[in-house]
Amino acid sequence: KSVVICCFSRVLDEALVSAKQQKP
């Protein structure tokens, strides 16, 4: 009927104003 995705961490670089990101 429906599928909600649930994760511990989501890669959204544009949502992080600061902090240097590294890809998993």
mmCIF file of all heavy atoms, coordinates in Angstrom:
data_MODEL
# 
_entry.id   MODEL 
# 
loop_
_atom_site.group_PDB 
_atom_site.id 
_atom_site.type_symbol 
_atom_site.label_atom_id 
_atom_site.label_alt_id 
_atom_site.label_comp_id 
_atom_site.label_asym_id 
_atom_site.label_entity_id 
_atom_site.label_seq_id 
_atom_site.pdbx_PDB_ins_code 
_atom_site.Cartn_x 
_atom_site.Cartn_y 
_atom_site.Cartn_z 
_atom_site.occupancy 
_atom_site.B_iso_or_equiv 
_atom_site.pdbx_formal_charge 
_atom_site.auth_seq_id 
_atom_site.auth_comp_id 
_atom_site.auth_asym_id 
_atom_site.auth_atom_id 
_atom_site.pdbx_PDB_model_num 
ATOM 1   N N   . LYS A 1 1  ? 0.832  -1.201 0.000  1.00 0.00 ? 1  LYS A N   1 
ATOM 2   C CA  . LYS A 1 1  ? 0.000  0.000  0.000  1.00 0.00 ? 1  LYS A CA  1 
ATOM 3   C C   . LYS A 1 1  ? 0.865  1.249  0.000  1.00 0.00 ? 1  LYS A C   1 
ATOM 4   O O   . LYS A 1 1  ? 0.595  2.219  -0.724 1.00 0.00 ? 1  LYS A O   1 
ATOM 5   C CB  . LYS A 1 1  ? -0.916 -0.019 1.231  1.00 0.00 ? 1  LYS A CB  1 
ATOM 6   C CG  . LYS A 1 1  ? -1.801 1.212  1.364  1.00 0.00 ? 1  LYS A CG  1 
ATOM 7   C CD  . LYS A 1 1  ? -2.628 1.118  2.635  1.00 0.00 ? 1  LYS A CD  1 
ATOM 8   C CE  . LYS A 1 1  ? -3.469 2.382  2.830  1.00 0.00 ? 1  LYS A CE  1 
ATOM 9   N NZ  . LYS A 1 1  ? -4.241 2.300  4.111  1.00 0.00 ? 1  LYS A NZ  1 
ATOM 10  N N   . SER A 1 2  ? 1.901  1.272  0.836  1.00 0.00 ? 2  SER A N   1 
ATOM 11  C CA  . SER A 1 2  ? 2.809  2.417  0.913  1.00 0.00 ? 2  SER A CA  1 
ATOM 12  C C   . SER A 1 2  ? 4.180  1.922  1.342  1.00 0.00 ? 2  SER A C   1 
ATOM 13  O O   . SER A 1 2  ? 4.290  0.895  2.015  1.00 0.00 ? 2  SER A O   1 
ATOM 14  C CB  . SER A 1 2  ? 2.302  3.476  1.896  1.00 0.00 ? 2  SER A CB  1 
ATOM 15  O OG  . SER A 1 2  ? 2.384  2.998  3.239  1.00 0.00 ? 2  SER A OG  1 
ATOM 16  N N   . VAL A 1 3  ? 5.212  2.681  0.957  1.00 0.00 ? 3  VAL A N   1 
ATOM 17  C CA  . VAL A 1 3  ? 6.586  2.343  1.339  1.00 0.00 ? 3  VAL A CA  1 
ATOM 18  C C   . VAL A 1 3  ? 7.304  3.611  1.766  1.00 0.00 ? 3  VAL A C   1 
ATOM 19  O O   . VAL A 1 3  ? 7.530  4.511  0.951  1.00 0.00 ? 3  VAL A O   1 
ATOM 20  C CB  . VAL A 1 3  ? 7.371  1.670  0.192  1.00 0.00 ? 3  VAL A CB  1 
ATOM 21  C CG1 . VAL A 1 3  ? 8.761  1.275  0.685  1.00 0.00 ? 3  VAL A CG1 1 
ATOM 22  C CG2 . VAL A 1 3  ? 6.628  0.461  -0.355 1.00 0.00 ? 3  VAL A CG2 1 
ATOM 23  N N   . VAL A 1 4  ? 7.639  3.693  3.046  1.00 0.00 ? 4  VAL A N   1 
ATOM 24  C CA  . VAL A 1 4  ? 8.441  4.797  3.574  1.00 0.00 ? 4  VAL A CA  1 
ATOM 25  C C   . VAL A 1 4  ? 9.864  4.284  3.771  1.00 0.00 ? 4  VAL A C   1 
ATOM 26  O O   . VAL A 1 4  ? 10.072 3.225  4.364  1.00 0.00 ? 4  VAL A O   1 
ATOM 27  C CB  . VAL A 1 4  ? 7.876  5.314  4.917  1.00 0.00 ? 4  VAL A CB  1 
ATOM 28  C CG1 . VAL A 1 4  ? 8.830  6.319  5.566  1.00 0.00 ? 4  VAL A CG1 1 
ATOM 29  C CG2 . VAL A 1 4  ? 6.509  5.950  4.694  1.00 0.00 ? 4  VAL A CG2 1 
ATOM 30  N N   . ILE A 1 5  ? 10.848 5.022  3.264  1.00 0.00 ? 5  ILE A N   1 
ATOM 31  C CA  . ILE A 1 5  ? 12.256 4.646  3.408  1.00 0.00 ? 5  ILE A CA  1 
ATOM 32  C C   . ILE A 1 5  ? 12.775 5.180  4.730  1.00 0.00 ? 5  ILE A C   1 
ATOM 33  O O   . ILE A 1 5  ? 12.623 6.356  5.042  1.00 0.00 ? 5  ILE A O   1 
ATOM 34  C CB  . ILE A 1 5  ? 13.085 5.213  2.247  1.00 0.00 ? 5  ILE A CB  1 
ATOM 35  C CG1 . ILE A 1 5  ? 12.572 4.670  0.910  1.00 0.00 ? 5  ILE A CG1 1 
ATOM 36  C CG2 . ILE A 1 5  ? 14.564 4.880  2.429  1.00 0.00 ? 5  ILE A CG2 1 
ATOM 37  C CD1 . ILE A 1 5  ? 13.157 5.383  -0.290 1.00 0.00 ? 5  ILE A CD1 1 
ATOM 38  N N   . CYS A 1 6  ? 13.381 4.314  5.510  1.00 0.00 ? 6  CYS A N   1 
ATOM 39  C CA  . CYS A 1 6  ? 13.929 4.711  6.813  1.00 0.00 ? 6  CYS A CA  1 
ATOM 40  C C   . CYS A 1 6  ? 15.420 4.372  6.837  1.00 0.00 ? 6  CYS A C   1 
ATOM 41  O O   . CYS A 1 6  ? 15.802 3.224  6.610  1.00 0.00 ? 6  CYS A O   1 
ATOM 42  C CB  . CYS A 1 6  ? 13.203 3.971  7.940  1.00 0.00 ? 6  CYS A CB  1 
ATOM 43  S SG  . CYS A 1 6  ? 13.770 4.414  9.597  1.00 0.00 ? 6  CYS A SG  1 
ATOM 44  N N   . CYS A 1 7  ? 16.255 5.375  7.099  1.00 0.00 ? 7  CYS A N   1 
ATOM 45  C CA  . CYS A 1 7  ? 17.699 5.159  7.121  1.00 0.00 ? 7  CYS A CA  1 
ATOM 46  C C   . CYS A 1 7  ? 18.311 5.878  8.312  1.00 0.00 ? 7  CYS A C   1 
ATOM 47  O O   . CYS A 1 7  ? 17.712 6.802  8.865  1.00 0.00 ? 7  CYS A O   1 
ATOM 48  C CB  . CYS A 1 7  ? 18.341 5.651  5.826  1.00 0.00 ? 7  CYS A CB  1 
ATOM 49  S SG  . CYS A 1 7  ? 18.147 7.426  5.543  1.00 0.00 ? 7  CYS A SG  1 
ATOM 50  N N   . PHE A 1 8  ? 19.517 5.449  8.691  1.00 0.00 ? 8  PHE A N   1 
ATOM 51  C CA  . PHE A 1 8  ? 20.220 6.161  9.751  1.00 0.00 ? 8  PHE A CA  1 
ATOM 52  C C   . PHE A 1 8  ? 20.756 7.489  9.241  1.00 0.00 ? 8  PHE A C   1 
ATOM 53  O O   . PHE A 1 8  ? 20.609 8.527  9.886  1.00 0.00 ? 8  PHE A O   1 
ATOM 54  C CB  . PHE A 1 8  ? 21.372 5.334  10.316 1.00 0.00 ? 8  PHE A CB  1 
ATOM 55  C CG  . PHE A 1 8  ? 22.311 6.145  11.158 1.00 0.00 ? 8  PHE A CG  1 
ATOM 56  C CD1 . PHE A 1 8  ? 21.882 6.708  12.359 1.00 0.00 ? 8  PHE A CD1 1 
ATOM 57  C CD2 . PHE A 1 8  ? 23.608 6.393  10.741 1.00 0.00 ? 8  PHE A CD2 1 
ATOM 58  C CE1 . PHE A 1 8  ? 22.734 7.491  13.128 1.00 0.00 ? 8  PHE A CE1 1 
ATOM 59  C CE2 . PHE A 1 8  ? 24.468 7.173  11.503 1.00 0.00 ? 8  PHE A CE2 1 
ATOM 60  C CZ  . PHE A 1 8  ? 24.028 7.719  12.700 1.00 0.00 ? 8  PHE A CZ  1 
ATOM 61  N N   . SER A 1 9  ? 21.381 7.482  8.056  1.00 0.00 ? 9  SER A N   1 
ATOM 62  C CA  . SER A 1 9  ? 22.000 8.704  7.546  1.00 0.00 ? 9  SER A CA  1 
ATOM 63  C C   . SER A 1 9  ? 21.682 8.906  6.076  1.00 0.00 ? 9  SER A C   1 
ATOM 64  O O   . SER A 1 9  ? 21.676 7.954  5.294  1.00 0.00 ? 9  SER A O   1 
ATOM 65  C CB  . SER A 1 9  ? 23.510 8.655  7.761  1.00 0.00 ? 9  SER A CB  1 
ATOM 66  O OG  . SER A 1 9  ? 24.084 9.931  7.644  1.00 0.00 ? 9  SER A OG  1 
ATOM 67  N N   . ARG A 1 10 ? 21.434 10.148 5.708  1.00 0.00 ? 10 ARG A N   1 
ATOM 68  C CA  . ARG A 1 10 ? 21.058 10.500 4.345  1.00 0.00 ? 10 ARG A CA  1 
ATOM 69  C C   . ARG A 1 10 ? 22.061 11.510 3.785  1.00 0.00 ? 10 ARG A C   1 
ATOM 70  O O   . ARG A 1 10 ? 22.348 12.523 4.416  1.00 0.00 ? 10 ARG A O   1 
ATOM 71  C CB  . ARG A 1 10 ? 19.654 11.095 4.329  1.00 0.00 ? 10 ARG A CB  1 
ATOM 72  C CG  . ARG A 1 10 ? 19.117 11.442 2.945  1.00 0.00 ? 10 ARG A CG  1 
ATOM 73  C CD  . ARG A 1 10 ? 17.724 12.039 3.075  1.00 0.00 ? 10 ARG A CD  1 
ATOM 74  N NE  . ARG A 1 10 ? 17.145 12.311 1.761  1.00 0.00 ? 10 ARG A NE  1 
ATOM 75  C CZ  . ARG A 1 10 ? 15.982 12.925 1.569  1.00 0.00 ? 10 ARG A CZ  1 
ATOM 76  N NH1 . ARG A 1 10 ? 15.265 13.312 2.625  1.00 0.00 ? 10 ARG A NH1 1 
ATOM 77  N NH2 . ARG A 1 10 ? 15.530 13.149 0.353  1.00 0.00 ? 10 ARG A NH2 1 
ATOM 78  N N   . VAL A 1 11 ? 22.586 11.206 2.603  1.00 0.00 ? 11 VAL A N   1 
ATOM 79  C CA  . VAL A 1 11 ? 23.558 12.098 1.974  1.00 0.00 ? 11 VAL A CA  1 
ATOM 80  C C   . VAL A 1 11 ? 22.811 13.223 1.266  1.00 0.00 ? 11 VAL A C   1 
ATOM 81  O O   . VAL A 1 11 ? 22.153 13.008 0.249  1.00 0.00 ? 11 VAL A O   1 
ATOM 82  C CB  . VAL A 1 11 ? 24.441 11.333 0.966  1.00 0.00 ? 11 VAL A CB  1 
ATOM 83  C CG1 . VAL A 1 11 ? 25.422 12.288 0.284  1.00 0.00 ? 11 VAL A CG1 1 
ATOM 84  C CG2 . VAL A 1 11 ? 25.209 10.232 1.684  1.00 0.00 ? 11 VAL A CG2 1 
ATOM 85  N N   . LEU A 1 12 ? 22.906 14.419 1.832  1.00 0.00 ? 12 LEU A N   1 
ATOM 86  C CA  . LEU A 1 12 ? 22.314 15.626 1.252  1.00 0.00 ? 12 LEU A CA  1 
ATOM 87  C C   . LEU A 1 12 ? 23.300 16.768 1.491  1.00 0.00 ? 12 LEU A C   1 
ATOM 88  O O   . LEU A 1 12 ? 23.119 17.571 2.412  1.00 0.00 ? 12 LEU A O   1 
ATOM 89  C CB  . LEU A 1 12 ? 20.962 15.948 1.900  1.00 0.00 ? 12 LEU A CB  1 
ATOM 90  C CG  . LEU A 1 12 ? 19.749 15.119 1.500  1.00 0.00 ? 12 LEU A CG  1 
ATOM 91  C CD1 . LEU A 1 12 ? 18.521 15.544 2.292  1.00 0.00 ? 12 LEU A CD1 1 
ATOM 92  C CD2 . LEU A 1 12 ? 19.470 15.253 -0.001 1.00 0.00 ? 12 LEU A CD2 1 
ATOM 93  N N   . ASP A 1 13 ? 24.324 16.834 0.674  1.00 0.00 ? 13 ASP A N   1 
ATOM 94  C CA  . ASP A 1 13 ? 25.361 17.831 0.892  1.00 0.00 ? 13 ASP A CA  1 
ATOM 95  C C   . ASP A 1 13 ? 24.807 19.251 0.910  1.00 0.00 ? 13 ASP A C   1 
ATOM 96  O O   . ASP A 1 13 ? 25.264 20.101 1.670  1.00 0.00 ? 13 ASP A O   1 
ATOM 97  C CB  . ASP A 1 13 ? 26.441 17.719 -0.196 1.00 0.00 ? 13 ASP A CB  1 
ATOM 98  C CG  . ASP A 1 13 ? 27.255 16.440 -0.062 1.00 0.00 ? 13 ASP A CG  1 
ATOM 99  O OD1 . ASP A 1 13 ? 27.155 15.799 0.995  1.00 0.00 ? 13 ASP A OD1 1 
ATOM 100 O OD2 . ASP A 1 13 ? 27.971 16.089 -1.006 1.00 0.00 ? 13 ASP A OD2 1 
ATOM 101 N N   . GLU A 1 14 ? 23.806 19.515 0.057  1.00 0.00 ? 14 GLU A N   1 
ATOM 102 C CA  . GLU A 1 14 ? 23.284 20.873 -0.022 1.00 0.00 ? 14 GLU A CA  1 
ATOM 103 C C   . GLU A 1 14 ? 22.528 21.283 1.236  1.00 0.00 ? 14 GLU A C   1 
ATOM 104 O O   . GLU A 1 14 ? 22.285 22.463 1.476  1.00 0.00 ? 14 GLU A O   1 
ATOM 105 C CB  . GLU A 1 14 ? 22.368 21.017 -1.251 1.00 0.00 ? 14 GLU A CB  1 
ATOM 106 C CG  . GLU A 1 14 ? 21.013 20.312 -1.133 1.00 0.00 ? 14 GLU A CG  1 
ATOM 107 C CD  . GLU A 1 14 ? 21.070 18.833 -1.476 1.00 0.00 ? 14 GLU A CD  1 
ATOM 108 O OE1 . GLU A 1 14 ? 22.180 18.280 -1.588 1.00 0.00 ? 14 GLU A OE1 1 
ATOM 109 O OE2 . GLU A 1 14 ? 19.991 18.233 -1.622 1.00 0.00 ? 14 GLU A OE2 1 
ATOM 110 N N   . ALA A 1 15 ? 22.140 20.306 2.052  1.00 0.00 ? 15 ALA A N   1 
ATOM 111 C CA  . ALA A 1 15 ? 21.410 20.615 3.284  1.00 0.00 ? 15 ALA A CA  1 
ATOM 112 C C   . ALA A 1 15 ? 22.346 20.933 4.442  1.00 0.00 ? 15 ALA A C   1 
ATOM 113 O O   . ALA A 1 15 ? 21.904 21.321 5.511  1.00 0.00 ? 15 ALA A O   1 
ATOM 114 C CB  . ALA A 1 15 ? 20.504 19.455 3.668  1.00 0.00 ? 15 ALA A CB  1 
ATOM 115 N N   . LEU A 1 16 ? 23.627 20.755 4.238  1.00 0.00 ? 16 LEU A N   1 
ATOM 116 C CA  . LEU A 1 16 ? 24.615 21.032 5.271  1.00 0.00 ? 16 LEU A CA  1 
ATOM 117 C C   . LEU A 1 16 ? 25.332 22.335 4.930  1.00 0.00 ? 16 LEU A C   1 
ATOM 118 O O   . LEU A 1 16 ? 26.070 22.416 3.950  1.00 0.00 ? 16 LEU A O   1 
ATOM 119 C CB  . LEU A 1 16 ? 25.624 19.880 5.355  1.00 0.00 ? 16 LEU A CB  1 
ATOM 120 C CG  . LEU A 1 16 ? 24.995 18.540 5.756  1.00 0.00 ? 16 LEU A CG  1 
ATOM 121 C CD1 . LEU A 1 16 ? 25.981 17.416 5.534  1.00 0.00 ? 16 LEU A CD1 1 
ATOM 122 C CD2 . LEU A 1 16 ? 24.553 18.574 7.204  1.00 0.00 ? 16 LEU A CD2 1 
ATOM 123 N N   . VAL A 1 17 ? 25.106 23.354 5.721  1.00 0.00 ? 17 VAL A N   1 
ATOM 124 C CA  . VAL A 1 17 ? 25.666 24.672 5.448  1.00 0.00 ? 17 VAL A CA  1 
ATOM 125 C C   . VAL A 1 17 ? 27.175 24.662 5.597  1.00 0.00 ? 17 VAL A C   1 
ATOM 126 O O   . VAL A 1 17 ? 27.902 25.251 4.826  1.00 0.00 ? 17 VAL A O   1 
ATOM 127 C CB  . VAL A 1 17 ? 25.041 25.726 6.390  1.00 0.00 ? 17 VAL A CB  1 
ATOM 128 C CG1 . VAL A 1 17 ? 25.647 27.097 6.131  1.00 0.00 ? 17 VAL A CG1 1 
ATOM 129 C CG2 . VAL A 1 17 ? 23.540 25.761 6.215  1.00 0.00 ? 17 VAL A CG2 1 
ATOM 130 N N   . SER A 1 18 ? 27.670 23.973 6.613  1.00 0.00 ? 18 SER A N   1 
ATOM 131 C CA  . SER A 1 18 ? 29.107 23.878 6.827  1.00 0.00 ? 18 SER A CA  1 
ATOM 132 C C   . SER A 1 18 ? 29.465 22.426 7.081  1.00 0.00 ? 18 SER A C   1 
ATOM 133 O O   . SER A 1 18 ? 28.620 21.549 6.995  1.00 0.00 ? 18 SER A O   1 
ATOM 134 C CB  . SER A 1 18 ? 29.524 24.750 8.022  1.00 0.00 ? 18 SER A CB  1 
ATOM 135 O OG  . SER A 1 18 ? 28.870 24.323 9.180  1.00 0.00 ? 18 SER A OG  1 
ATOM 136 N N   . ALA A 1 19 ? 30.689 22.174 7.364  1.00 0.00 ? 19 ALA A N   1 
ATOM 137 C CA  . ALA A 1 19 ? 31.228 20.826 7.616  1.00 0.00 ? 19 ALA A CA  1 
ATOM 138 C C   . ALA A 1 19 ? 31.626 20.162 6.310  1.00 0.00 ? 19 ALA A C   1 
ATOM 139 O O   . ALA A 1 19 ? 30.833 20.055 5.387  1.00 0.00 ? 19 ALA A O   1 
ATOM 140 C CB  . ALA A 1 19 ? 30.248 19.928 8.370  1.00 0.00 ? 19 ALA A CB  1 
ATOM 141 N N   . LYS A 1 20 ? 32.835 19.745 6.236  1.00 0.00 ? 20 LYS A N   1 
ATOM 142 C CA  . LYS A 1 20 ? 33.373 19.082 5.057  1.00 0.00 ? 20 LYS A CA  1 
ATOM 143 C C   . LYS A 1 20 ? 32.829 17.664 4.997  1.00 0.00 ? 20 LYS A C   1 
ATOM 144 O O   . LYS A 1 20 ? 32.936 16.908 5.933  1.00 0.00 ? 20 LYS A O   1 
ATOM 145 C CB  . LYS A 1 20 ? 34.898 19.049 5.135  1.00 0.00 ? 20 LYS A CB  1 
ATOM 146 C CG  . LYS A 1 20 ? 35.565 18.465 3.895  1.00 0.00 ? 20 LYS A CG  1 
ATOM 147 C CD  . LYS A 1 20 ? 37.062 18.525 4.041  1.00 0.00 ? 20 LYS A CD  1 
ATOM 148 C CE  . LYS A 1 20 ? 37.753 17.954 2.822  1.00 0.00 ? 20 LYS A CE  1 
ATOM 149 N NZ  . LYS A 1 20 ? 39.209 17.990 2.958  1.00 0.00 ? 20 LYS A NZ  1 
ATOM 150 N N   . GLN A 1 21 ? 32.233 17.314 3.863  1.00 0.00 ? 21 GLN A N   1 
ATOM 151 C CA  . GLN A 1 21 ? 31.578 16.013 3.714  1.00 0.00 ? 21 GLN A CA  1 
ATOM 152 C C   . GLN A 1 21 ? 32.449 15.032 2.968  1.00 0.00 ? 21 GLN A C   1 
ATOM 153 O O   . GLN A 1 21 ? 33.249 15.407 2.108  1.00 0.00 ? 21 GLN A O   1 
ATOM 154 C CB  . GLN A 1 21 ? 30.245 16.170 2.966  1.00 0.00 ? 21 GLN A CB  1 
ATOM 155 C CG  . GLN A 1 21 ? 29.271 17.070 3.693  1.00 0.00 ? 21 GLN A CG  1 
ATOM 156 C CD  . GLN A 1 21 ? 28.975 16.543 5.066  1.00 0.00 ? 21 GLN A CD  1 
ATOM 157 O OE1 . GLN A 1 21 ? 28.499 15.437 5.210  1.00 0.00 ? 21 GLN A OE1 1 
ATOM 158 N NE2 . GLN A 1 21 ? 29.271 17.307 6.067  1.00 0.00 ? 21 GLN A NE2 1 
ATOM 159 N N   . GLN A 1 22 ? 32.281 13.753 3.290  1.00 0.00 ? 22 GLN A N   1 
ATOM 160 C CA  . GLN A 1 22 ? 32.940 12.676 2.568  1.00 0.00 ? 22 GLN A CA  1 
ATOM 161 C C   . GLN A 1 22 ? 31.887 11.665 2.159  1.00 0.00 ? 22 GLN A C   1 
ATOM 162 O O   . GLN A 1 22 ? 30.997 11.347 2.928  1.00 0.00 ? 22 GLN A O   1 
ATOM 163 C CB  . GLN A 1 22 ? 33.990 11.963 3.439  1.00 0.00 ? 22 GLN A CB  1 
ATOM 164 C CG  . GLN A 1 22 ? 35.079 12.892 3.931  1.00 0.00 ? 22 GLN A CG  1 
ATOM 165 C CD  . GLN A 1 22 ? 36.097 12.118 4.753  1.00 0.00 ? 22 GLN A CD  1 
ATOM 166 O OE1 . GLN A 1 22 ? 36.510 11.040 4.402  1.00 0.00 ? 22 GLN A OE1 1 
ATOM 167 N NE2 . GLN A 1 22 ? 36.495 12.689 5.858  1.00 0.00 ? 22 GLN A NE2 1 
ATOM 168 N N   . LYS A 1 23 ? 31.987 11.171 0.937  1.00 0.00 ? 23 LYS A N   1 
ATOM 169 C CA  . LYS A 1 23 ? 30.991 10.227 0.436  1.00 0.00 ? 23 LYS A CA  1 
ATOM 170 C C   . LYS A 1 23 ? 31.194 8.866  1.069  1.00 0.00 ? 23 LYS A C   1 
ATOM 171 O O   . LYS A 1 23 ? 32.322 8.442  1.294  1.00 0.00 ? 23 LYS A O   1 
ATOM 172 C CB  . LYS A 1 23 ? 31.122 10.090 -1.086 1.00 0.00 ? 23 LYS A CB  1 
ATOM 173 C CG  . LYS A 1 23 ? 30.778 11.373 -1.842 1.00 0.00 ? 23 LYS A CG  1 
ATOM 174 C CD  . LYS A 1 23 ? 29.322 11.707 -1.724 1.00 0.00 ? 23 LYS A CD  1 
ATOM 175 C CE  . LYS A 1 23 ? 28.985 12.942 -2.567 1.00 0.00 ? 23 LYS A CE  1 
ATOM 176 N NZ  . LYS A 1 23 ? 27.589 13.341 -2.405 1.00 0.00 ? 23 LYS A NZ  1 
ATOM 177 N N   . PRO A 1 24 ? 30.100 8.142  1.363  1.00 0.00 ? 24 PRO A N   1 
ATOM 178 C CA  . PRO A 1 24 ? 30.233 6.820  1.967  1.00 0.00 ? 24 PRO A CA  1 
ATOM 179 C C   . PRO A 1 24 ? 30.627 5.772  0.952  1.00 0.00 ? 24 PRO A C   1 
ATOM 180 O O   . PRO A 1 24 ? 30.354 5.912  -0.226 1.00 0.00 ? 24 PRO A O   1 
ATOM 181 C CB  . PRO A 1 24 ? 28.821 6.554  2.504  1.00 0.00 ? 24 PRO A CB  1 
ATOM 182 C CG  . PRO A 1 24 ? 27.936 7.294  1.558  1.00 0.00 ? 24 PRO A CG  1 
ATOM 183 C CD  . PRO A 1 24 ? 28.700 8.537  1.176  1.00 0.00 ? 24 PRO A CD  1 
# 
